[in-house]
Amino acid sequence: MMQSTLGPGQRLRNGKAVELEIPSDPLAVRQALARIMEEVSALAPPDDTLATVEIVLAEVLNNIVEHACEGLSDRRISITIAPTARGLQCQVRDNGRPLPGGALPAGEPPDPTRQIPELAEGGFGWLLIRGLAHDLRYQRIAGMNVLSFSLDLHIAA
């Protein structure tokens, strides 16, 4: 069940932020991504920048579901996306486990000399996030993970 704090007329395409709160589950993430991409597509031409937004948000949200909140009940994710002069300012909050060591993963590429079965699932998520997002910041505040980042867009005139 996706909740939105948006009122009538308060939409990203009108210069307002999109704020969503969703349960930490894969279906809610897919629904939230569809809603966000609908809003973002009104700001930018259909080019590679829209794919960048979707990739970064999908990686962040799926990491929360699969790692921070896995096996925990009643976990929530709050997503705030606001337009800026260059693109989007994003903040994602969750009440799952903190990142190991209290810091963002390095985002190193997997070791190509390792055999496929030895590699972690995927292994490219933080590499992609770090390569595509700007101003990446993580904090643990009052039992919440808070991840903030910026994404550039070619803003439609």
C-alpha atoms as a PDB file:
ATOM      1  CA  MET A   1       0.000   0.000   0.000  1.00  0.00           C
ATOM      2  CA  MET A   2       1.677   3.225  -1.172  1.00  0.00           C
ATOM      3  CA  GLN A   3       0.917   6.433   0.654  1.00  0.00           C
ATOM      4  CA  SER A   4       1.643   9.830  -0.842  1.00  0.00           C
ATOM      5  CA  THR A   5       1.790  13.057   1.095  1.00  0.00           C
ATOM      6  CA  LEU A   6       1.021  14.979  -2.089  1.00  0.00           C
ATOM      7  CA  GLY A   7      -2.147  17.009  -2.190  1.00  0.00           C
ATOM      8  CA  PRO A   8      -4.042  18.003  -5.352  1.00  0.00           C
ATOM      9  CA  GLY A   9      -1.782  19.918  -7.708  1.00  0.00           C
ATOM     10  CA  GLN A  10       1.374  19.187  -5.712  1.00  0.00           C
ATOM     11  CA  ARG A  11       3.367  17.282  -8.268  1.00  0.00           C
ATOM     12  CA  LEU A  12       7.001  17.148  -9.282  1.00  0.00           C
ATOM     13  CA  ARG A  13       6.138  18.364 -12.764  1.00  0.00           C
ATOM     14  CA  ASN A  14       4.777  21.574 -11.216  1.00  0.00           C
ATOM     15  CA  GLY A  15       7.988  22.237  -9.332  1.00  0.00           C
ATOM     16  CA  LYS A  16       6.915  20.521  -6.118  1.00  0.00           C
ATOM     17  CA  ALA A  17       8.518  17.572  -4.414  1.00  0.00           C
ATOM     18  CA  VAL A  18       7.187  14.041  -4.591  1.00  0.00           C
ATOM     19  CA  GLU A  19       7.009  12.404  -1.182  1.00  0.00           C
ATOM     20  CA  LEU A  20       6.130   8.735  -0.860  1.00  0.00           C
ATOM     21  CA  GLU A  21       6.101   6.367   2.069  1.00  0.00           C
ATOM     22  CA  ILE A  22       6.000   2.687   1.220  1.00  0.00           C
ATOM     23  CA  PRO A  23       6.412  -0.634   2.981  1.00  0.00           C
ATOM     24  CA  SER A  24       9.765  -2.285   2.480  1.00  0.00           C
ATOM     25  CA  ASP A  25       8.760  -4.891  -0.099  1.00  0.00           C
ATOM     26  CA  PRO A  26       9.548  -5.492  -3.777  1.00  0.00           C
ATOM     27  CA  LEU A  27       6.026  -4.795  -5.076  1.00  0.00           C
ATOM     28  CA  ALA A  28       5.833  -1.448  -3.280  1.00  0.00           C
ATOM     29  CA  VAL A  29       9.246  -0.528  -4.705  1.00  0.00           C
ATOM     30  CA  ARG A  30       8.060  -1.316  -8.265  1.00  0.00           C
ATOM     31  CA  GLN A  31       4.916   0.768  -7.767  1.00  0.00           C
ATOM     32  CA  ALA A  32       6.879   3.682  -6.289  1.00  0.00           C
ATOM     33  CA  LEU A  33       9.380   3.593  -9.161  1.00  0.00           C
ATOM     34  CA  ALA A  34       6.553   3.711 -11.709  1.00  0.00           C
ATOM     35  CA  ARG A  35       4.998   6.705  -9.941  1.00  0.00           C
ATOM     36  CA  ILE A  36       8.324   8.539  -9.660  1.00  0.00           C
ATOM     37  CA  MET A  37       9.237   7.902 -13.294  1.00  0.00           C
ATOM     38  CA  GLU A  38       5.835   9.219 -14.401  1.00  0.00           C
ATOM     39  CA  GLU A  39       6.553  12.440 -12.522  1.00  0.00           C
ATOM     40  CA  VAL A  40      10.175  12.756 -13.661  1.00  0.00           C
ATOM     41  CA  SER A  41       9.321  12.108 -17.322  1.00  0.00           C
ATOM     42  CA  ALA A  42       7.322  15.352 -17.332  1.00  0.00           C
ATOM     43  CA  LEU A  43      10.525  17.269 -16.476  1.00  0.00           C
ATOM     44  CA  ALA A  44      13.028  15.796 -18.877  1.00  0.00           C
ATOM     45  CA  PRO A  45      13.139  14.629 -22.479  1.00  0.00           C
ATOM     46  CA  PRO A  46      13.076  10.853 -22.957  1.00  0.00           C
ATOM     47  CA  ASP A  47      16.818  10.282 -23.034  1.00  0.00           C
ATOM     48  CA  ASP A  48      19.481   8.484 -21.050  1.00  0.00           C
ATOM     49  CA  THR A  49      19.026  10.743 -18.023  1.00  0.00           C
ATOM     50  CA  LEU A  50      15.640   9.176 -17.281  1.00  0.00           C
ATOM     51  CA  ALA A  51      17.225   5.730 -17.352  1.00  0.00           C
ATOM     52  CA  THR A  52      19.867   6.994 -14.914  1.00  0.00           C
ATOM     53  CA  VAL A  53      17.185   8.149 -12.480  1.00  0.00           C
ATOM     54  CA  GLU A  54      15.424   4.800 -12.641  1.00  0.00           C
ATOM     55  CA  ILE A  55      18.620   2.756 -12.264  1.00  0.00           C
ATOM     56  CA  VAL A  56      19.859   4.684  -9.235  1.00  0.00           C
ATOM     57  CA  LEU A  57      16.499   4.708  -7.458  1.00  0.00           C
ATOM     58  CA  ALA A  58      15.906   1.018  -8.197  1.00  0.00           C
ATOM     59  CA  GLU A  59      19.343   0.085  -6.838  1.00  0.00           C
ATOM     60  CA  VAL A  60      18.898   2.173  -3.684  1.00  0.00           C
ATOM     61  CA  LEU A  61      15.370   0.949  -2.950  1.00  0.00           C
ATOM     62  CA  ASN A  62      16.097  -2.694  -3.728  1.00  0.00           C
ATOM     63  CA  ASN A  63      19.218  -2.598  -1.518  1.00  0.00           C
ATOM     64  CA  ILE A  64      17.057  -1.375   1.347  1.00  0.00           C
ATOM     65  CA  VAL A  65      14.514  -4.164   0.841  1.00  0.00           C
ATOM     66  CA  GLU A  66      17.122  -6.907   0.345  1.00  0.00           C
ATOM     67  CA  HIS A  67      19.673  -5.901   2.970  1.00  0.00           C
ATOM     68  CA  ALA A  68      18.558  -3.251   5.488  1.00  0.00           C
ATOM     69  CA  CYS A  69      15.052  -4.612   6.029  1.00  0.00           C
ATOM     70  CA  GLU A  70      15.340  -8.297   5.113  1.00  0.00           C
ATOM     71  CA  GLY A  71      13.677 -10.490   7.727  1.00  0.00           C
ATOM     72  CA  LEU A  72      12.398  -7.520   9.754  1.00  0.00           C
ATOM     73  CA  SER A  73       8.699  -6.738  10.048  1.00  0.00           C
ATOM     74  CA  ASP A  74       6.919  -3.396   9.721  1.00  0.00           C
ATOM     75  CA  ARG A  75       9.774  -1.619   7.942  1.00  0.00           C
ATOM     76  CA  ARG A  76       9.067   1.543   5.948  1.00  0.00           C
ATOM     77  CA  ILE A  77      10.846   3.528   3.260  1.00  0.00           C
ATOM     78  CA  SER A  78      10.271   7.263   2.771  1.00  0.00           C
ATOM     79  CA  ILE A  79      11.260   8.807  -0.546  1.00  0.00           C
ATOM     80  CA  THR A  80      11.460  12.540  -1.241  1.00  0.00           C
ATOM     81  CA  ILE A  81      12.403  13.833  -4.677  1.00  0.00           C
ATOM     82  CA  ALA A  82      12.555  17.555  -5.406  1.00  0.00           C
ATOM     83  CA  PRO A  83      13.414  19.327  -8.650  1.00  0.00           C
ATOM     84  CA  THR A  84      16.502  21.558  -8.696  1.00  0.00           C
ATOM     85  CA  ALA A  85      18.073  23.750 -11.371  1.00  0.00           C
ATOM     86  CA  ARG A  86      20.277  20.819 -12.472  1.00  0.00           C
ATOM     87  CA  GLY A  87      17.935  17.903 -11.938  1.00  0.00           C
ATOM     88  CA  LEU A  88      16.704  16.168  -8.799  1.00  0.00           C
ATOM     89  CA  GLN A  89      17.577  16.156  -5.122  1.00  0.00           C
ATOM     90  CA  CYS A  90      16.677  12.812  -3.569  1.00  0.00           C
ATOM     91  CA  GLN A  91      16.425  11.618   0.000  1.00  0.00           C
ATOM     92  CA  VAL A  92      15.586   8.057   0.974  1.00  0.00           C
ATOM     93  CA  ARG A  93      14.962   7.115   4.607  1.00  0.00           C
ATOM     94  CA  ASP A  94      14.330   3.695   6.114  1.00  0.00           C
ATOM     95  CA  ASN A  95      14.079   2.136   9.551  1.00  0.00           C
ATOM     96  CA  GLY A  96      16.115  -0.941   8.696  1.00  0.00           C
ATOM     97  CA  ARG A  97      19.555  -2.044   9.811  1.00  0.00           C
ATOM     98  CA  PRO A  98      22.391   0.508   9.509  1.00  0.00           C
ATOM     99  CA  LEU A  99      24.962   0.170   6.768  1.00  0.00           C
ATOM    100  CA  PRO A 100      27.917  -1.966   7.910  1.00  0.00           C
ATOM    101  CA  GLY A 101      30.514   0.266   9.527  1.00  0.00           C
ATOM    102  CA  GLY A 102      28.102   3.202   9.391  1.00  0.00           C
ATOM    103  CA  ALA A 103      29.414   4.210   5.976  1.00  0.00           C
ATOM    104  CA  LEU A 104      28.502   3.860   2.320  1.00  0.00           C
ATOM    105  CA  PRO A 105      30.006   0.859   0.521  1.00  0.00           C
ATOM    106  CA  ALA A 106      33.021   1.668  -1.642  1.00  0.00           C
ATOM    107  CA  GLY A 107      31.351   0.553  -4.847  1.00  0.00           C
ATOM    108  CA  GLU A 108      34.338  -1.345  -6.149  1.00  0.00           C
ATOM    109  CA  PRO A 109      33.870  -3.520  -9.235  1.00  0.00           C
ATOM    110  CA  PRO A 110      33.857  -7.268  -8.583  1.00  0.00           C
ATOM    111  CA  ASP A 111      37.201  -9.021  -8.894  1.00  0.00           C
ATOM    112  CA  PRO A 112      37.270 -10.398 -12.469  1.00  0.00           C
ATOM    113  CA  THR A 113      39.631 -13.201 -11.463  1.00  0.00           C
ATOM    114  CA  ARG A 114      37.023 -14.820  -9.196  1.00  0.00           C
ATOM    115  CA  GLN A 115      34.850 -17.619 -10.460  1.00  0.00           C
ATOM    116  CA  ILE A 116      31.176 -16.743 -11.146  1.00  0.00           C
ATOM    117  CA  PRO A 117      29.809 -18.832  -8.214  1.00  0.00           C
ATOM    118  CA  GLU A 118      32.162 -16.963  -5.827  1.00  0.00           C
ATOM    119  CA  LEU A 119      30.854 -13.531  -6.795  1.00  0.00           C
ATOM    120  CA  ALA A 120      28.196 -11.875  -4.675  1.00  0.00           C
ATOM    121  CA  GLU A 121      24.777 -11.502  -6.260  1.00  0.00           C
ATOM    122  CA  GLY A 122      25.070  -8.604  -8.693  1.00  0.00           C
ATOM    123  CA  GLY A 123      27.936  -6.769  -7.100  1.00  0.00           C
ATOM    124  CA  PHE A 124      27.494  -3.675  -9.237  1.00  0.00           C
ATOM    125  CA  GLY A 125      24.804  -1.776  -7.297  1.00  0.00           C
ATOM    126  CA  TRP A 126      26.976   0.642  -5.332  1.00  0.00           C
ATOM    127  CA  LEU A 127      29.358   0.965  -8.278  1.00  0.00           C
ATOM    128  CA  LEU A 128      26.405   2.174 -10.378  1.00  0.00           C
ATOM    129  CA  ILE A 129      25.010   4.419  -7.646  1.00  0.00           C
ATOM    130  CA  ARG A 130      28.380   6.059  -7.016  1.00  0.00           C
ATOM    131  CA  GLY A 131      29.023   6.485 -10.745  1.00  0.00           C
ATOM    132  CA  LEU A 132      25.639   8.027 -11.583  1.00  0.00           C
ATOM    133  CA  ALA A 133      24.668  10.054  -8.483  1.00  0.00           C
ATOM    134  CA  HIS A 134      26.315  13.175  -7.058  1.00  0.00           C
ATOM    135  CA  ASP A 135      26.631  14.577  -3.534  1.00  0.00           C
ATOM    136  CA  LEU A 136      26.048  11.127  -2.033  1.00  0.00           C
ATOM    137  CA  ARG A 137      25.663  11.293   1.762  1.00  0.00           C
ATOM    138  CA  TYR A 138      24.650   8.713   4.370  1.00  0.00           C
ATOM    139  CA  GLN A 139      23.730   9.278   8.003  1.00  0.00           C
ATOM    140  CA  ARG A 140      22.130   7.210  10.727  1.00  0.00           C
ATOM    141  CA  ILE A 141      19.741   9.503  12.604  1.00  0.00           C
ATOM    142  CA  ALA A 142      17.448   8.373  15.434  1.00  0.00           C
ATOM    143  CA  GLY A 143      17.311   4.769  14.229  1.00  0.00           C
ATOM    144  CA  MET A 144      16.819   5.773  10.576  1.00  0.00           C
ATOM    145  CA  ASN A 145      19.108   5.377   7.585  1.00  0.00           C
ATOM    146  CA  VAL A 146      19.149   8.632   5.616  1.00  0.00           C
ATOM    147  CA  LEU A 147      20.651   8.599   2.131  1.00  0.00           C
ATOM    148  CA  SER A 148      20.759  11.847   0.149  1.00  0.00           C
ATOM    149  CA  PHE A 149      21.989  12.341  -3.408  1.00  0.00           C
ATOM    150  CA  SER A 150      21.547  14.437  -6.538  1.00  0.00           C
ATOM    151  CA  LEU A 151      20.812  13.288 -10.064  1.00  0.00           C
ATOM    152  CA  ASP A 152      21.384  15.438 -13.144  1.00  0.00           C
ATOM    153  CA  LEU A 153      18.670  15.813 -15.788  1.00  0.00           C
ATOM    154  CA  HIS A 154      18.499  17.513 -19.129  1.00  0.00           C
ATOM    155  CA  ILE A 155      15.528  19.655 -18.147  1.00  0.00           C
ATOM    156  CA  ALA A 156      12.843  20.024 -20.820  1.00  0.00           C
ATOM    157  CA  ALA A 157      12.215  23.644 -21.810  1.00  0.00           C
END
